[in-house]
Amino acid sequence: SSGINAEYGGVCDARDIDTVMTGGLGIRWSFIGPFQTAHLNAPGGIRDYANRYSDGIVRVSKEFGEPRAMAGDTLEKMAEYLEAEMPVEGLPATLQWRNDILKLLAVVKQTFPAKP
């Protein structure tokens, strides 16, 4: 539904959304979830990510309805899960692992035949 809201809101069109999903986040999410991706996108993990980006996410999200901040009990539950799966001190190695897989997936994707 976020994609439909973005289309109706004039934020981007269907082609843009498909491009983001097939060339960006969708590839990552095929082997690492969206919250694990966020956990890796700040040096200190999900708590650091929330501290850096939560205000901006809320600001942008207001365009699509009532936003929810990444804070409080919700953040604590997310952090507990993520820090158990991917300890903060191991994030650099996990980030390298993710980047290596993304490189391999890019090579595989380039070998696909063109769509009919």
PDB file of N, CA and C in Angstrom:
ATOM      1  N   SER A   1       0.808  -1.195   0.000  1.00  0.00           N
ATOM      2  CA  SER A   1       0.000   0.000   0.000  1.00  0.00           C
ATOM      3  C   SER A   1       0.850   1.258   0.000  1.00  0.00           C
ATOM      4  N   SER A   2       2.076   1.181   0.522  1.00  0.00           N
ATOM      5  CA  SER A   2       2.943   2.365   0.499  1.00  0.00           C
ATOM      6  C   SER A   2       3.249   2.784  -0.930  1.00  0.00           C
ATOM      7  N   GLY A   3       3.451   1.794  -1.804  1.00  0.00           N
ATOM      8  CA  GLY A   3       3.710   2.103  -3.205  1.00  0.00           C
ATOM      9  C   GLY A   3       2.539   2.793  -3.858  1.00  0.00           C
ATOM     10  N   ILE A   4       1.339   2.330  -3.565  1.00  0.00           N
ATOM     11  CA  ILE A   4       0.141   2.955  -4.123  1.00  0.00           C
ATOM     12  C   ILE A   4      -0.008   4.369  -3.583  1.00  0.00           C
ATOM     13  N   ASN A   5       0.240   4.552  -2.285  1.00  0.00           N
ATOM     14  CA  ASN A   5       0.164   5.896  -1.701  1.00  0.00           C
ATOM     15  C   ASN A   5       1.191   6.823  -2.345  1.00  0.00           C
ATOM     16  N   ALA A   6       2.382   6.309  -2.617  1.00  0.00           N
ATOM     17  CA  ALA A   6       3.415   7.133  -3.249  1.00  0.00           C
ATOM     18  C   ALA A   6       3.001   7.531  -4.655  1.00  0.00           C
ATOM     19  N   GLU A   7       2.391   6.596  -5.376  1.00  0.00           N
ATOM     20  CA  GLU A   7       1.915   6.889  -6.735  1.00  0.00           C
ATOM     21  C   GLU A   7       0.815   7.946  -6.696  1.00  0.00           C
ATOM     22  N   TYR A   8      -0.198   7.737  -5.857  1.00  0.00           N
ATOM     23  CA  TYR A   8      -1.291   8.704  -5.770  1.00  0.00           C
ATOM     24  C   TYR A   8      -0.810  10.052  -5.265  1.00  0.00           C
ATOM     25  N   GLY A   9       0.151  10.037  -4.377  1.00  0.00           N
ATOM     26  CA  GLY A   9       0.649  11.281  -3.805  1.00  0.00           C
ATOM     27  C   GLY A   9       1.609  12.029  -4.703  1.00  0.00           C
ATOM     28  N   GLY A  10       1.958  11.443  -5.842  1.00  0.00           N
ATOM     29  CA  GLY A  10       2.867  12.101  -6.768  1.00  0.00           C
ATOM     30  C   GLY A  10       4.317  12.073  -6.318  1.00  0.00           C
ATOM     31  N   VAL A  11       4.626  11.249  -5.344  1.00  0.00           N
ATOM     32  CA  VAL A  11       6.003  11.146  -4.852  1.00  0.00           C
ATOM     33  C   VAL A  11       6.871  10.463  -5.894  1.00  0.00           C
ATOM     34  N   CYS A  12       6.352   9.395  -6.469  1.00  0.00           N
ATOM     35  CA  CYS A  12       7.038   8.674  -7.532  1.00  0.00           C
ATOM     36  C   CYS A  12       5.997   7.875  -8.294  1.00  0.00           C
ATOM     37  N   ASP A  13       6.393   7.335  -9.432  1.00  0.00           N
ATOM     38  CA  ASP A  13       5.433   6.562 -10.209  1.00  0.00           C
ATOM     39  C   ASP A  13       5.729   5.068 -10.077  1.00  0.00           C
ATOM     40  N   ALA A  14       4.896   4.259 -10.701  1.00  0.00           N
ATOM     41  CA  ALA A  14       5.032   2.806 -10.588  1.00  0.00           C
ATOM     42  C   ALA A  14       6.392   2.330 -11.087  1.00  0.00           C
ATOM     43  N   ARG A  15       6.898   2.928 -12.152  1.00  0.00           N
ATOM     44  CA  ARG A  15       8.214   2.541 -12.671  1.00  0.00           C
ATOM     45  C   ARG A  15       9.296   2.812 -11.622  1.00  0.00           C
ATOM     46  N   ASP A  16       9.228   3.975 -10.967  1.00  0.00           N
ATOM     47  CA  ASP A  16      10.201   4.301  -9.915  1.00  0.00           C
ATOM     48  C   ASP A  16      10.155   3.276  -8.783  1.00  0.00           C
ATOM     49  N   ILE A  17       8.948   2.912  -8.383  1.00  0.00           N
ATOM     50  CA  ILE A  17       8.788   1.954  -7.286  1.00  0.00           C
ATOM     51  C   ILE A  17       9.357   0.594  -7.686  1.00  0.00           C
ATOM     52  N   ASP A  18       9.039   0.132  -8.894  1.00  0.00           N
ATOM     53  CA  ASP A  18       9.586  -1.143  -9.356  1.00  0.00           C
ATOM     54  C   ASP A  18      11.106  -1.095  -9.436  1.00  0.00           C
ATOM     55  N   THR A  19      11.661   0.029  -9.876  1.00  0.00           N
ATOM     56  CA  THR A  19      13.114   0.168  -9.959  1.00  0.00           C
ATOM     57  C   THR A  19      13.753   0.094  -8.576  1.00  0.00           C
ATOM     58  N   VAL A  20      13.163   0.772  -7.611  1.00  0.00           N
ATOM     59  CA  VAL A  20      13.691   0.722  -6.238  1.00  0.00           C
ATOM     60  C   VAL A  20      13.674  -0.708  -5.713  1.00  0.00           C
ATOM     61  N   MET A  21      12.586  -1.415  -5.957  1.00  0.00           N
ATOM     62  CA  MET A  21      12.451  -2.752  -5.402  1.00  0.00           C
ATOM     63  C   MET A  21      13.337  -3.776  -6.121  1.00  0.00           C
ATOM     64  N   THR A  22      13.463  -3.671  -7.441  1.00  0.00           N
ATOM     65  CA  THR A  22      14.257  -4.668  -8.170  1.00  0.00           C
ATOM     66  C   THR A  22      15.729  -4.322  -8.228  1.00  0.00           C
ATOM     67  N   GLY A  23      16.068  -3.061  -8.066  1.00  0.00           N
ATOM     68  CA  GLY A  23      17.464  -2.662  -8.155  1.00  0.00           C
ATOM     69  C   GLY A  23      18.061  -2.226  -6.836  1.00  0.00           C
ATOM     70  N   GLY A  24      17.270  -2.219  -5.789  1.00  0.00           N
ATOM     71  CA  GLY A  24      17.769  -1.723  -4.506  1.00  0.00           C
ATOM     72  C   GLY A  24      17.311  -2.570  -3.345  1.00  0.00           C
ATOM     73  N   LEU A  25      16.292  -2.089  -2.664  1.00  0.00           N
ATOM     74  CA  LEU A  25      15.863  -2.725  -1.423  1.00  0.00           C
ATOM     75  C   LEU A  25      15.339  -4.141  -1.607  1.00  0.00           C
ATOM     76  N   GLY A  26      14.653  -4.402  -2.695  1.00  0.00           N
ATOM     77  CA  GLY A  26      14.115  -5.746  -2.912  1.00  0.00           C
ATOM     78  C   GLY A  26      15.202  -6.799  -2.938  1.00  0.00           C
ATOM     79  N   ILE A  27      16.327  -6.473  -3.559  1.00  0.00           N
ATOM     80  CA  ILE A  27      17.449  -7.414  -3.607  1.00  0.00           C
ATOM     81  C   ILE A  27      17.982  -7.661  -2.203  1.00  0.00           C
ATOM     82  N   ARG A  28      18.151  -6.620  -1.435  1.00  0.00           N
ATOM     83  CA  ARG A  28      18.630  -6.783  -0.058  1.00  0.00           C
ATOM     84  C   ARG A  28      17.659  -7.619   0.751  1.00  0.00           C
ATOM     85  N   TRP A  29      16.373  -7.335   0.581  1.00  0.00           N
ATOM     86  CA  TRP A  29      15.353  -7.993   1.383  1.00  0.00           C
ATOM     87  C   TRP A  29      15.165  -9.451   0.994  1.00  0.00           C
ATOM     88  N   SER A  30      15.785  -9.895  -0.090  1.00  0.00           N
ATOM     89  CA  SER A  30      15.671 -11.306  -0.452  1.00  0.00           C
ATOM     90  C   SER A  30      16.508 -12.190   0.477  1.00  0.00           C
ATOM     91  N   PHE A  31      17.447 -11.610   1.193  1.00  0.00           N
ATOM     92  CA  PHE A  31      18.265 -12.403   2.121  1.00  0.00           C
ATOM     93  C   PHE A  31      18.492 -11.731   3.459  1.00  0.00           C
ATOM     94  N   ILE A  32      18.043 -10.500   3.621  1.00  0.00           N
ATOM     95  CA  ILE A  32      18.184  -9.776   4.887  1.00  0.00           C
ATOM     96  C   ILE A  32      16.998  -8.816   4.979  1.00  0.00           C
ATOM     97  N   GLY A  33      16.258  -8.884   6.061  1.00  0.00           N
ATOM     98  CA  GLY A  33      15.017  -8.132   6.178  1.00  0.00           C
ATOM     99  C   GLY A  33      15.196  -6.633   6.301  1.00  0.00           C
ATOM    100  N   PRO A  34      14.085  -5.888   6.228  1.00  0.00           N
ATOM    101  CA  PRO A  34      14.159  -4.428   6.272  1.00  0.00           C
ATOM    102  C   PRO A  34      14.712  -3.890   7.598  1.00  0.00           C
ATOM    103  N   PHE A  35      14.397  -4.559   8.703  1.00  0.00           N
ATOM    104  CA  PHE A  35      14.924  -4.068   9.976  1.00  0.00           C
ATOM    105  C   PHE A  35      16.394  -4.442  10.142  1.00  0.00           C
ATOM    106  N   GLN A  36      16.784  -5.604   9.614  1.00  0.00           N
ATOM    107  CA  GLN A  36      18.202  -5.959   9.617  1.00  0.00           C
ATOM    108  C   GLN A  36      18.991  -4.994   8.729  1.00  0.00           C
ATOM    109  N   THR A  37      18.389  -4.588   7.619  1.00  0.00           N
ATOM    110  CA  THR A  37      19.020  -3.592   6.749  1.00  0.00           C
ATOM    111  C   THR A  37      19.222  -2.281   7.503  1.00  0.00           C
ATOM    112  N   ALA A  38      18.198  -1.830   8.217  1.00  0.00           N
ATOM    113  CA  ALA A  38      18.321  -0.600   9.007  1.00  0.00           C
ATOM    114  C   ALA A  38      19.388  -0.753  10.082  1.00  0.00           C
ATOM    115  N   HIS A  39      19.435  -1.909  10.722  1.00  0.00           N
ATOM    116  CA  HIS A  39      20.423  -2.186  11.773  1.00  0.00           C
ATOM    117  C   HIS A  39      21.845  -2.036  11.228  1.00  0.00           C
ATOM    118  N   LEU A  40      22.043  -2.447   9.978  1.00  0.00           N
ATOM    119  CA  LEU A  40      23.362  -2.344   9.351  1.00  0.00           C
ATOM    120  C   LEU A  40      23.654  -0.949   8.797  1.00  0.00           C
ATOM    121  N   ASN A  41      22.645  -0.107   8.683  1.00  0.00           N
ATOM    122  CA  ASN A  41      22.822   1.200   8.044  1.00  0.00           C
ATOM    123  C   ASN A  41      23.268   2.305   8.987  1.00  0.00           C
ATOM    124  N   ALA A  42      23.632   1.963  10.201  1.00  0.00           N
ATOM    125  CA  ALA A  42      24.224   2.931  11.138  1.00  0.00           C
ATOM    126  C   ALA A  42      25.297   2.179  11.928  1.00  0.00           C
ATOM    127  N   PRO A  43      26.426   2.811  12.179  1.00  0.00           N
ATOM    128  CA  PRO A  43      27.540   2.120  12.847  1.00  0.00           C
ATOM    129  C   PRO A  43      27.179   1.487  14.192  1.00  0.00           C
ATOM    130  N   GLY A  44      26.250   2.095  14.918  1.00  0.00           N
ATOM    131  CA  GLY A  44      25.869   1.577  16.224  1.00  0.00           C
ATOM    132  C   GLY A  44      24.611   0.738  16.217  1.00  0.00           C
ATOM    133  N   GLY A  45      24.152   0.307  15.044  1.00  0.00           N
ATOM    134  CA  GLY A  45      22.984  -0.549  14.962  1.00  0.00           C
ATOM    135  C   GLY A  45      21.670   0.218  14.988  1.00  0.00           C
ATOM    136  N   ILE A  46      20.601  -0.499  15.317  1.00  0.00           N
ATOM    137  CA  ILE A  46      19.247   0.041  15.211  1.00  0.00           C
ATOM    138  C   ILE A  46      19.014   1.230  16.133  1.00  0.00           C
ATOM    139  N   ARG A  47      19.612   1.210  17.317  1.00  0.00           N
ATOM    140  CA  ARG A  47      19.433   2.353  18.226  1.00  0.00           C
ATOM    141  C   ARG A  47      20.077   3.606  17.618  1.00  0.00           C
ATOM    142  N   ASP A  48      21.250   3.441  17.044  1.00  0.00           N
ATOM    143  CA  ASP A  48      21.940   4.538  16.379  1.00  0.00           C
ATOM    144  C   ASP A  48      21.137   4.998  15.160  1.00  0.00           C
ATOM    145  N   TYR A  49      20.603   4.042  14.404  1.00  0.00           N
ATOM    146  CA  TYR A  49      19.777   4.356  13.237  1.00  0.00           C
ATOM    147  C   TYR A  49      18.570   5.192  13.659  1.00  0.00           C
ATOM    148  N   ALA A  50      17.889   4.762  14.715  1.00  0.00           N
ATOM    149  CA  ALA A  50      16.705   5.492  15.200  1.00  0.00           C
ATOM    150  C   ALA A  50      17.094   6.896  15.639  1.00  0.00           C
ATOM    151  N   ASN A  51      18.209   7.013  16.329  1.00  0.00           N
ATOM    152  CA  ASN A  51      18.674   8.323  16.790  1.00  0.00           C
ATOM    153  C   ASN A  51      18.980   9.250  15.610  1.00  0.00           C
ATOM    154  N   ARG A  52      19.597   8.712  14.583  1.00  0.00           N
ATOM    155  CA  ARG A  52      19.988   9.517  13.420  1.00  0.00           C
ATOM    156  C   ARG A  52      18.816   9.864  12.512  1.00  0.00           C
ATOM    157  N   TYR A  53      17.922   8.890  12.267  1.00  0.00           N
ATOM    158  CA  TYR A  53      16.978   9.020  11.163  1.00  0.00           C
ATOM    159  C   TYR A  53      15.502   9.064  11.548  1.00  0.00           C
ATOM    160  N   SER A  54      15.156   8.771  12.780  1.00  0.00           N
ATOM    161  CA  SER A  54      13.738   8.673  13.148  1.00  0.00           C
ATOM    162  C   SER A  54      12.972   9.970  12.893  1.00  0.00           C
ATOM    163  N   ASP A  55      13.542  11.106  13.248  1.00  0.00           N
ATOM    164  CA  ASP A  55      12.840  12.373  13.023  1.00  0.00           C
ATOM    165  C   ASP A  55      12.546  12.596  11.536  1.00  0.00           C
ATOM    166  N   GLY A  56      13.519  12.313  10.691  1.00  0.00           N
ATOM    167  CA  GLY A  56      13.328  12.471   9.250  1.00  0.00           C
ATOM    168  C   GLY A  56      12.305  11.499   8.698  1.00  0.00           C
ATOM    169  N   ILE A  57      12.330  10.268   9.192  1.00  0.00           N
ATOM    170  CA  ILE A  57      11.354   9.272   8.748  1.00  0.00           C
ATOM    171  C   ILE A  57       9.951   9.716   9.120  1.00  0.00           C
ATOM    172  N   VAL A  58       9.779  10.227  10.333  1.00  0.00           N
ATOM    173  CA  VAL A  58       8.469  10.702  10.772  1.00  0.00           C
ATOM    174  C   VAL A  58       8.023  11.880   9.900  1.00  0.00           C
ATOM    175  N   ARG A  59       8.941  12.815   9.627  1.00  0.00           N
ATOM    176  CA  ARG A  59       8.605  13.973   8.793  1.00  0.00           C
ATOM    177  C   ARG A  59       8.110  13.532   7.409  1.00  0.00           C
ATOM    178  N   VAL A  60       8.834  12.623   6.774  1.00  0.00           N
ATOM    179  CA  VAL A  60       8.444  12.143   5.445  1.00  0.00           C
ATOM    180  C   VAL A  60       7.156  11.333   5.523  1.00  0.00           C
ATOM    181  N   SER A  61       7.030  10.512   6.553  1.00  0.00           N
ATOM    182  CA  SER A  61       5.863   9.633   6.700  1.00  0.00           C
ATOM    183  C   SER A  61       4.569  10.400   6.893  1.00  0.00           C
ATOM    184  N   LYS A  62       4.631  11.613   7.397  1.00  0.00           N
ATOM    185  CA  LYS A  62       3.411  12.415   7.592  1.00  0.00           C
ATOM    186  C   LYS A  62       2.658  12.617   6.286  1.00  0.00           C
ATOM    187  N   GLU A  63       3.375  12.548   5.186  1.00  0.00           N
ATOM    188  CA  GLU A  63       2.733  12.694   3.882  1.00  0.00           C
ATOM    189  C   GLU A  63       1.789  11.529   3.587  1.00  0.00           C
ATOM    190  N   PHE A  64       1.976  10.390   4.263  1.00  0.00           N
ATOM    191  CA  PHE A  64       1.210   9.176   3.967  1.00  0.00           C
ATOM    192  C   PHE A  64       0.262   8.786   5.096  1.00  0.00           C
ATOM    193  N   GLY A  65       0.003   9.684   6.008  1.00  0.00           N
ATOM    194  CA  GLY A  65      -0.873   9.370   7.125  1.00  0.00           C
ATOM    195  C   GLY A  65      -0.139   9.567   8.444  1.00  0.00           C
ATOM    196  N   GLU A  66      -0.696   9.050   9.486  1.00  0.00           N
ATOM    197  CA  GLU A  66      -0.128   9.227  10.824  1.00  0.00           C
ATOM    198  C   GLU A  66       1.148   8.401  10.987  1.00  0.00           C
ATOM    199  N   PRO A  67       2.276   9.070  11.157  1.00  0.00           N
ATOM    200  CA  PRO A  67       3.537   8.339  11.310  1.00  0.00           C
ATOM    201  C   PRO A  67       3.710   7.802  12.728  1.00  0.00           C
ATOM    202  N   ARG A  68       4.545   6.803  12.835  1.00  0.00           N
ATOM    203  CA  ARG A  68       4.894   6.247  14.140  1.00  0.00           C
ATOM    204  C   ARG A  68       6.398   6.353  14.298  1.00  0.00           C
ATOM    205  N   ALA A  69       6.806   6.919  15.403  1.00  0.00           N
ATOM    206  CA  ALA A  69       8.237   7.090  15.669  1.00  0.00           C
ATOM    207  C   ALA A  69       8.869   5.751  16.045  1.00  0.00           C
ATOM    208  N   MET A  70      10.114   5.593  15.687  1.00  0.00           N
ATOM    209  CA  MET A  70      10.891   4.436  16.090  1.00  0.00           C
ATOM    210  C   MET A  70      11.486   4.780  17.453  1.00  0.00           C
ATOM    211  N   ALA A  71      10.739   4.475  18.505  1.00  0.00           N
ATOM    212  CA  ALA A  71      11.140   4.890  19.845  1.00  0.00           C
ATOM    213  C   ALA A  71      10.454   4.002  20.887  1.00  0.00           C
ATOM    214  N   GLY A  72      10.811   4.212  22.136  1.00  0.00           N
ATOM    215  CA  GLY A  72      10.145   3.566  23.259  1.00  0.00           C
ATOM    216  C   GLY A  72      10.204   2.053  23.217  1.00  0.00           C
ATOM    217  N   ASP A  73       9.099   1.418  23.636  1.00  0.00           N
ATOM    218  CA  ASP A  73       9.032  -0.043  23.697  1.00  0.00           C
ATOM    219  C   ASP A  73       9.234  -0.694  22.331  1.00  0.00           C
ATOM    220  N   THR A  74       8.716  -0.048  21.282  1.00  0.00           N
ATOM    221  CA  THR A  74       8.870  -0.600  19.937  1.00  0.00           C
ATOM    222  C   THR A  74      10.347  -0.688  19.569  1.00  0.00           C
ATOM    223  N   LEU A  75      11.079   0.384  19.801  1.00  0.00           N
ATOM    224  CA  LEU A  75      12.511   0.378  19.510  1.00  0.00           C
ATOM    225  C   LEU A  75      13.235  -0.649  20.368  1.00  0.00           C
ATOM    226  N   GLU A  76      12.878  -0.748  21.624  1.00  0.00           N
ATOM    227  CA  GLU A  76      13.534  -1.714  22.516  1.00  0.00           C
ATOM    228  C   GLU A  76      13.333  -3.146  22.038  1.00  0.00           C
ATOM    229  N   LYS A  77      12.113  -3.480  21.620  1.00  0.00           N
ATOM    230  CA  LYS A  77      11.841  -4.831  21.111  1.00  0.00           C
ATOM    231  C   LYS A  77      12.624  -5.105  19.837  1.00  0.00           C
ATOM    232  N   MET A  78      12.648  -4.117  18.930  1.00  0.00           N
ATOM    233  CA  MET A  78      13.400  -4.278  17.696  1.00  0.00           C
ATOM    234  C   MET A  78      14.879  -4.444  17.996  1.00  0.00           C
ATOM    235  N   ALA A  79      15.409  -3.606  18.883  1.00  0.00           N
ATOM    236  CA  ALA A  79      16.833  -3.652  19.216  1.00  0.00           C
ATOM    237  C   ALA A  79      17.195  -4.980  19.866  1.00  0.00           C
ATOM    238  N   GLU A  80      16.338  -5.485  20.745  1.00  0.00           N
ATOM    239  CA  GLU A  80      16.609  -6.766  21.404  1.00  0.00           C
ATOM    240  C   GLU A  80      16.758  -7.879  20.373  1.00  0.00           C
ATOM    241  N   TYR A  81      15.838  -7.937  19.442  1.00  0.00           N
ATOM    242  CA  TYR A  81      15.890  -8.942  18.381  1.00  0.00           C
ATOM    243  C   TYR A  81      17.137  -8.755  17.507  1.00  0.00           C
ATOM    244  N   LEU A  82      17.344  -7.528  17.024  1.00  0.00           N
ATOM    245  CA  LEU A  82      18.432  -7.275  16.084  1.00  0.00           C
ATOM    246  C   LEU A  82      19.807  -7.449  16.715  1.00  0.00           C
ATOM    247  N   GLU A  83      19.967  -6.989  17.936  1.00  0.00           N
ATOM    248  CA  GLU A  83      21.270  -7.101  18.596  1.00  0.00           C
ATOM    249  C   GLU A  83      21.592  -8.548  18.954  1.00  0.00           C
ATOM    250  N   ALA A  84      20.572  -9.396  19.113  1.00  0.00           N
ATOM    251  CA  ALA A  84      20.801 -10.822  19.318  1.00  0.00           C
ATOM    252  C   ALA A  84      21.208 -11.489  18.003  1.00  0.00           C
ATOM    253  N   GLU A  85      20.541 -11.106  16.912  1.00  0.00           N
ATOM    254  CA  GLU A  85      20.834 -11.667  15.589  1.00  0.00           C
ATOM    255  C   GLU A  85      22.152 -11.150  15.026  1.00  0.00           C
ATOM    256  N   MET A  86      22.405  -9.868  15.241  1.00  0.00           N
ATOM    257  CA  MET A  86      23.568  -9.183  14.679  1.00  0.00           C
ATOM    258  C   MET A  86      24.152  -8.268  15.750  1.00  0.00           C
ATOM    259  N   PRO A  87      25.019  -8.800  16.608  1.00  0.00           N
ATOM    260  CA  PRO A  87      25.596  -7.955  17.671  1.00  0.00           C
ATOM    261  C   PRO A  87      26.280  -6.717  17.083  1.00  0.00           C
ATOM    262  N   VAL A  88      26.116  -5.587  17.745  1.00  0.00           N
ATOM    263  CA  VAL A  88      26.647  -4.314  17.257  1.00  0.00           C
ATOM    264  C   VAL A  88      28.141  -4.405  16.983  1.00  0.00           C
ATOM    265  N   GLU A  89      28.879  -5.085  17.859  1.00  0.00           N
ATOM    266  CA  GLU A  89      30.330  -5.173  17.653  1.00  0.00           C
ATOM    267  C   GLU A  89      30.697  -5.980  16.402  1.00  0.00           C
ATOM    268  N   GLY A  90      29.773  -6.774  15.896  1.00  0.00           N
ATOM    269  CA  GLY A  90      30.027  -7.544  14.684  1.00  0.00           C
ATOM    270  C   GLY A  90      29.454  -6.917  13.424  1.00  0.00           C
ATOM    271  N   LEU A  91      28.876  -5.725  13.520  1.00  0.00           N
ATOM    272  CA  LEU A  91      28.239  -5.106  12.358  1.00  0.00           C
ATOM    273  C   LEU A  91      29.188  -4.880  11.185  1.00  0.00           C
ATOM    274  N   PRO A  92      30.428  -4.459  11.396  1.00  0.00           N
ATOM    275  CA  PRO A  92      31.300  -4.288  10.223  1.00  0.00           C
ATOM    276  C   PRO A  92      31.465  -5.578   9.412  1.00  0.00           C
ATOM    277  N   ALA A  93      31.619  -6.711  10.067  1.00  0.00           N
ATOM    278  CA  ALA A  93      31.759  -7.979   9.344  1.00  0.00           C
ATOM    279  C   ALA A  93      30.449  -8.360   8.655  1.00  0.00           C
ATOM    280  N   THR A  94      29.315  -8.128   9.322  1.00  0.00           N
ATOM    281  CA  THR A  94      28.018  -8.437   8.724  1.00  0.00           C
ATOM    282  C   THR A  94      27.747  -7.515   7.544  1.00  0.00           C
ATOM    283  N   LEU A  95      28.131  -6.267   7.654  1.00  0.00           N
ATOM    284  CA  LEU A  95      27.987  -5.320   6.555  1.00  0.00           C
ATOM    285  C   LEU A  95      28.797  -5.777   5.346  1.00  0.00           C
ATOM    286  N   GLN A  96      30.022  -6.240   5.576  1.00  0.00           N
ATOM    287  CA  GLN A  96      30.855  -6.745   4.479  1.00  0.00           C
ATOM    288  C   GLN A  96      30.211  -7.973   3.840  1.00  0.00           C
ATOM    289  N   TRP A  97      29.672  -8.868   4.678  1.00  0.00           N
ATOM    290  CA  TRP A  97      28.978 -10.064   4.182  1.00  0.00           C
ATOM    291  C   TRP A  97      27.816  -9.656   3.274  1.00  0.00           C
ATOM    292  N   ARG A  98      27.006  -8.687   3.744  1.00  0.00           N
ATOM    293  CA  ARG A  98      25.874  -8.220   2.944  1.00  0.00           C
ATOM    294  C   ARG A  98      26.348  -7.630   1.620  1.00  0.00           C
ATOM    295  N   ASN A  99      27.375  -6.803   1.673  1.00  0.00           N
ATOM    296  CA  ASN A  99      27.876  -6.167   0.455  1.00  0.00           C
ATOM    297  C   ASN A  99      28.441  -7.185  -0.528  1.00  0.00           C
ATOM    298  N   ASP A 100      29.106  -8.220  -0.011  1.00  0.00           N
ATOM    299  CA  ASP A 100      29.630  -9.282  -0.883  1.00  0.00           C
ATOM    300  C   ASP A 100      28.491 -10.012  -1.593  1.00  0.00           C
ATOM    301  N   ILE A 101      27.416 -10.298  -0.864  1.00  0.00           N
ATOM    302  CA  ILE A 101      26.265 -10.968  -1.477  1.00  0.00           C
ATOM    303  C   ILE A 101      25.611 -10.063  -2.514  1.00  0.00           C
ATOM    304  N   LEU A 102      25.470  -8.776  -2.207  1.00  0.00           N
ATOM    305  CA  LEU A 102      24.883  -7.852  -3.176  1.00  0.00           C
ATOM    306  C   LEU A 102      25.707  -7.801  -4.465  1.00  0.00           C
ATOM    307  N   LYS A 103      27.028  -7.837  -4.340  1.00  0.00           N
ATOM    308  CA  LYS A 103      27.890  -7.847  -5.536  1.00  0.00           C
ATOM    309  C   LYS A 103      27.650  -9.108  -6.357  1.00  0.00           C
ATOM    310  N   LEU A 104      27.565 -10.254  -5.680  1.00  0.00           N
ATOM    311  CA  LEU A 104      27.313 -11.509  -6.388  1.00  0.00           C
ATOM    312  C   LEU A 104      25.942 -11.501  -7.060  1.00  0.00           C
ATOM    313  N   LEU A 105      24.943 -10.997  -6.359  1.00  0.00           N
ATOM    314  CA  LEU A 105      23.607 -10.916  -6.947  1.00  0.00           C
ATOM    315  C   LEU A 105      23.581  -9.994  -8.162  1.00  0.00           C
ATOM    316  N   ALA A 106      24.347  -8.910  -8.115  1.00  0.00           N
ATOM    317  CA  ALA A 106      24.410  -7.989  -9.259  1.00  0.00           C
ATOM    318  C   ALA A 106      24.999  -8.697 -10.479  1.00  0.00           C
ATOM    319  N   VAL A 107      26.029  -9.501 -10.262  1.00  0.00           N
ATOM    320  CA  VAL A 107      26.638 -10.251 -11.363  1.00  0.00           C
ATOM    321  C   VAL A 107      25.636 -11.248 -11.935  1.00  0.00           C
ATOM    322  N   VAL A 108      24.950 -11.979 -11.056  1.00  0.00           N
ATOM    323  CA  VAL A 108      23.954 -12.951 -11.509  1.00  0.00           C
ATOM    324  C   VAL A 108      22.851 -12.240 -12.284  1.00  0.00           C
ATOM    325  N   LYS A 109      22.402 -11.117 -11.776  1.00  0.00           N
ATOM    326  CA  LYS A 109      21.314 -10.385 -12.428  1.00  0.00           C
ATOM    327  C   LYS A 109      21.713  -9.927 -13.834  1.00  0.00           C
ATOM    328  N   GLN A 110      22.983  -9.577 -14.018  1.00  0.00           N
ATOM    329  CA  GLN A 110      23.452  -9.134 -15.333  1.00  0.00           C
ATOM    330  C   GLN A 110      23.470 -10.270 -16.343  1.00  0.00           C
ATOM    331  N   THR A 111      23.499 -11.508 -15.873  1.00  0.00           N
ATOM    332  CA  THR A 111      23.548 -12.648 -16.790  1.00  0.00           C
ATOM    333  C   THR A 111      22.168 -13.107 -17.233  1.00  0.00           C
ATOM    334  N   PHE A 112      21.097 -12.569 -16.607  1.00  0.00           N
ATOM    335  CA  PHE A 112      19.745 -12.952 -17.001  1.00  0.00           C
ATOM    336  C   PHE A 112      19.491 -12.505 -18.422  1.00  0.00           C
ATOM    337  N   PRO A 113      18.761 -13.303 -19.187  1.00  0.00           N
ATOM    338  CA  PRO A 113      18.376 -12.840 -20.521  1.00  0.00           C
ATOM    339  C   PRO A 113      17.366 -11.687 -20.404  1.00  0.00           C
ATOM    340  N   ALA A 114      17.286 -10.904 -21.434  1.00  0.00           N
ATOM    341  CA  ALA A 114      16.337  -9.777 -21.440  1.00  0.00           C
ATOM    342  C   ALA A 114      14.909 -10.309 -21.347  1.00  0.00           C
ATOM    343  N   LYS A 115      14.028  -9.509 -20.781  1.00  0.00           N
ATOM    344  CA  LYS A 115      12.614  -9.888 -20.702  1.00  0.00           C
ATOM    345  C   LYS A 115      12.051 -10.017 -22.107  1.00  0.00           C
ATOM    346  N   PRO A 116      11.182 -10.994 -22.295  1.00  0.00           N
ATOM    347  CA  PRO A 116      10.573 -11.143 -23.653  1.00  0.00           C
ATOM    348  C   PRO A 116       9.629  -9.993 -23.972  1.00  0.00           C
TER     349      PRO A 116
END
